[in-house]
C-alpha cells in the first residue's frame, strides 16, 4: 500500500515584500493591457499583427525597470498565447481581454 504525504506551507511576507509583490502585479497588469491596446490599435490601422516587447515601454515608463523583467516577459508570453489561440480557433477562444485589479 502506497501512502502519499503532503506538506502545507504558508508564508508571511514582510511589508517590504508585500510592496514588491504589489508593484510587480501592477506592472504586469499594466504591461499586458498596454501591449494589448497597442496591438488592437495597430491592427485597426494596418490590418497586420504587431510583435511588441516589454522592453519597448521601459523608456516611456521608467518605473517598469523596478520590477523583475521575467515577470514582464511572462505577461508578453501570456498575451502571445491568448492571441495565437484566438487566431487559431476563435469559436472556442474569444478575443484577449484587458486585465482588471479584481
C-alpha atoms as a PDB file:
ATOM      1  CA  UNK A   1       0.000   0.000   0.000  1.00  0.00           C
ATOM      2  CA  UNK A   2       1.380   3.387  -1.058  1.00  0.00           C
ATOM      3  CA  UNK A   3       0.914   6.298   1.312  1.00  0.00           C
ATOM      4  CA  UNK A   4       1.071   9.806  -0.081  1.00  0.00           C
ATOM      5  CA  UNK A   5       2.326  12.605   2.108  1.00  0.00           C
ATOM      6  CA  UNK A   6       1.668  16.296   1.678  1.00  0.00           C
ATOM      7  CA  UNK A   7       3.223  19.294   3.338  1.00  0.00           C
ATOM      8  CA  UNK A   8       1.474  22.629   3.574  1.00  0.00           C
ATOM      9  CA  UNK A   9       3.479  25.801   3.830  1.00  0.00           C
ATOM     10  CA  UNK A  10       2.317  29.311   4.441  1.00  0.00           C
ATOM     11  CA  UNK A  11       4.493  32.361   4.040  1.00  0.00           C
ATOM     12  CA  UNK A  12       4.136  35.640   5.839  1.00  0.00           C
ATOM     13  CA  UNK A  13       5.816  38.314   3.745  1.00  0.00           C
ATOM     14  CA  UNK A  14       7.204  41.430   5.349  1.00  0.00           C
ATOM     15  CA  UNK A  15       5.789  44.840   4.464  1.00  0.00           C
ATOM     16  CA  UNK A  16       8.676  45.415   2.048  1.00  0.00           C
ATOM     17  CA  UNK A  17       7.985  42.112   0.305  1.00  0.00           C
ATOM     18  CA  UNK A  18       4.269  42.952   0.116  1.00  0.00           C
ATOM     19  CA  UNK A  19       5.156  46.218  -1.626  1.00  0.00           C
ATOM     20  CA  UNK A  20       7.364  44.380  -4.119  1.00  0.00           C
ATOM     21  CA  UNK A  21       4.571  41.908  -4.873  1.00  0.00           C
ATOM     22  CA  UNK A  22       2.046  44.718  -5.346  1.00  0.00           C
ATOM     23  CA  UNK A  23       4.405  46.616  -7.674  1.00  0.00           C
ATOM     24  CA  UNK A  24       5.146  43.502  -9.693  1.00  0.00           C
ATOM     25  CA  UNK A  25       1.490  42.519 -10.097  1.00  0.00           C
ATOM     26  CA  UNK A  26       0.553  46.087 -11.013  1.00  0.00           C
ATOM     27  CA  UNK A  27       3.312  46.387 -13.603  1.00  0.00           C
ATOM     28  CA  UNK A  28       2.450  43.019 -15.133  1.00  0.00           C
ATOM     29  CA  UNK A  29      -1.197  44.013 -15.451  1.00  0.00           C
ATOM     30  CA  UNK A  30      -0.231  47.411 -16.893  1.00  0.00           C
ATOM     31  CA  UNK A  31       2.164  45.987 -19.492  1.00  0.00           C
ATOM     32  CA  UNK A  32      -0.356  43.328 -20.561  1.00  0.00           C
ATOM     33  CA  UNK A  33      -3.089  45.941 -21.026  1.00  0.00           C
ATOM     34  CA  UNK A  34      -0.757  48.413 -22.773  1.00  0.00           C
ATOM     35  CA  UNK A  35       0.568  45.806 -25.187  1.00  0.00           C
ATOM     36  CA  UNK A  36      -2.967  44.584 -25.893  1.00  0.00           C
ATOM     37  CA  UNK A  37      -4.266  48.073 -26.629  1.00  0.00           C
ATOM     38  CA  UNK A  38      -1.282  48.812 -28.891  1.00  0.00           C
ATOM     39  CA  UNK A  39      -1.851  45.555 -30.786  1.00  0.00           C
ATOM     40  CA  UNK A  40      -5.541  46.346 -31.246  1.00  0.00           C
ATOM     41  CA  UNK A  41      -4.791  49.886 -32.465  1.00  0.00           C
ATOM     42  CA  UNK A  42      -2.056  48.670 -34.827  1.00  0.00           C
ATOM     43  CA  UNK A  43      -4.333  46.011 -36.293  1.00  0.00           C
ATOM     44  CA  UNK A  44      -7.106  48.564 -36.863  1.00  0.00           C
ATOM     45  CA  UNK A  45      -4.685  50.894 -38.673  1.00  0.00           C
ATOM     46  CA  UNK A  46      -2.700  48.430 -40.779  1.00  0.00           C
ATOM     47  CA  UNK A  47      -4.507  45.081 -40.670  1.00  0.00           C
ATOM     48  CA  UNK A  48      -1.300  43.325 -39.583  1.00  0.00           C
ATOM     49  CA  UNK A  49      -0.107  41.753 -36.350  1.00  0.00           C
ATOM     50  CA  UNK A  50       2.232  43.707 -34.073  1.00  0.00           C
ATOM     51  CA  UNK A  51       5.037  41.980 -32.201  1.00  0.00           C
ATOM     52  CA  UNK A  52       5.894  44.280 -29.313  1.00  0.00           C
ATOM     53  CA  UNK A  53       8.024  43.602 -26.239  1.00  0.00           C
ATOM     54  CA  UNK A  54       8.030  44.998 -22.695  1.00  0.00           C
ATOM     55  CA  UNK A  55      11.495  46.477 -23.291  1.00  0.00           C
ATOM     56  CA  UNK A  56       9.980  48.967 -25.746  1.00  0.00           C
ATOM     57  CA  UNK A  57       7.935  50.539 -22.947  1.00  0.00           C
ATOM     58  CA  UNK A  58      10.704  50.941 -20.359  1.00  0.00           C
ATOM     59  CA  UNK A  59      11.913  54.262 -21.776  1.00  0.00           C
ATOM     60  CA  UNK A  60       8.429  55.749 -21.742  1.00  0.00           C
ATOM     61  CA  UNK A  61       7.593  54.301 -18.313  1.00  0.00           C
ATOM     62  CA  UNK A  62      10.815  54.154 -16.245  1.00  0.00           C
ATOM     63  CA  UNK A  63       9.060  52.642 -13.210  1.00  0.00           C
ATOM     64  CA  UNK A  64       8.830  49.368 -15.156  1.00  0.00           C
ATOM     65  CA  UNK A  65      12.577  48.948 -14.560  1.00  0.00           C
ATOM     66  CA  UNK A  66      11.946  48.483 -10.823  1.00  0.00           C
ATOM     67  CA  UNK A  67      10.299  45.071 -11.200  1.00  0.00           C
ATOM     68  CA  UNK A  68      11.609  41.740 -12.412  1.00  0.00           C
ATOM     69  CA  UNK A  69      11.926  41.593 -16.185  1.00  0.00           C
ATOM     70  CA  UNK A  70      10.919  37.930 -16.252  1.00  0.00           C
ATOM     71  CA  UNK A  71       7.510  38.809 -14.824  1.00  0.00           C
ATOM     72  CA  UNK A  72       7.000  41.278 -17.668  1.00  0.00           C
ATOM     73  CA  UNK A  73       8.238  38.703 -20.181  1.00  0.00           C
ATOM     74  CA  UNK A  74       5.671  36.227 -18.836  1.00  0.00           C
ATOM     75  CA  UNK A  75       2.947  38.818 -19.411  1.00  0.00           C
ATOM     76  CA  UNK A  76       4.124  39.063 -23.022  1.00  0.00           C
ATOM     77  CA  UNK A  77       4.069  35.279 -23.368  1.00  0.00           C
ATOM     78  CA  UNK A  78       0.549  35.107 -21.938  1.00  0.00           C
ATOM     79  CA  UNK A  79      -0.630  37.756 -24.392  1.00  0.00           C
ATOM     80  CA  UNK A  80       1.017  35.949 -27.315  1.00  0.00           C
ATOM     81  CA  UNK A  81      -0.642  32.694 -26.283  1.00  0.00           C
ATOM     82  CA  UNK A  82      -4.043  34.394 -26.000  1.00  0.00           C
ATOM     83  CA  UNK A  83      -3.649  35.913 -29.455  1.00  0.00           C
ATOM     84  CA  UNK A  84      -2.472  32.659 -31.028  1.00  0.00           C
ATOM     85  CA  UNK A  85      -5.430  30.804 -29.528  1.00  0.00           C
ATOM     86  CA  UNK A  86      -7.777  33.499 -30.818  1.00  0.00           C
ATOM     87  CA  UNK A  87      -6.416  33.348 -34.363  1.00  0.00           C
ATOM     88  CA  UNK A  88      -6.404  29.541 -34.473  1.00  0.00           C
ATOM     89  CA  UNK A  89      -9.873  28.883 -33.088  1.00  0.00           C
ATOM     90  CA  UNK A  90     -11.974  31.973 -32.465  1.00  0.00           C
ATOM     91  CA  UNK A  91     -15.110  29.914 -31.734  1.00  0.00           C
ATOM     92  CA  UNK A  92     -13.676  28.440 -28.548  1.00  0.00           C
ATOM     93  CA  UNK A  93     -11.346  31.280 -27.605  1.00  0.00           C
ATOM     94  CA  UNK A  94     -12.637  34.824 -27.615  1.00  0.00           C
ATOM     95  CA  UNK A  95     -10.624  37.984 -28.058  1.00  0.00           C
ATOM     96  CA  UNK A  96      -7.999  38.624 -25.400  1.00  0.00           C
ATOM     97  CA  UNK A  97      -9.474  40.775 -22.653  1.00  0.00           C
ATOM     98  CA  UNK A  98      -7.993  43.542 -20.586  1.00  0.00           C
ATOM     99  CA  UNK A  99      -6.958  42.599 -17.044  1.00  0.00           C
ATOM    100  CA  UNK A 100      -8.506  44.380 -14.078  1.00  0.00           C
ATOM    101  CA  UNK A 101      -7.465  44.672 -10.448  1.00  0.00           C
ATOM    102  CA  UNK A 102     -10.328  42.452  -9.315  1.00  0.00           C
END
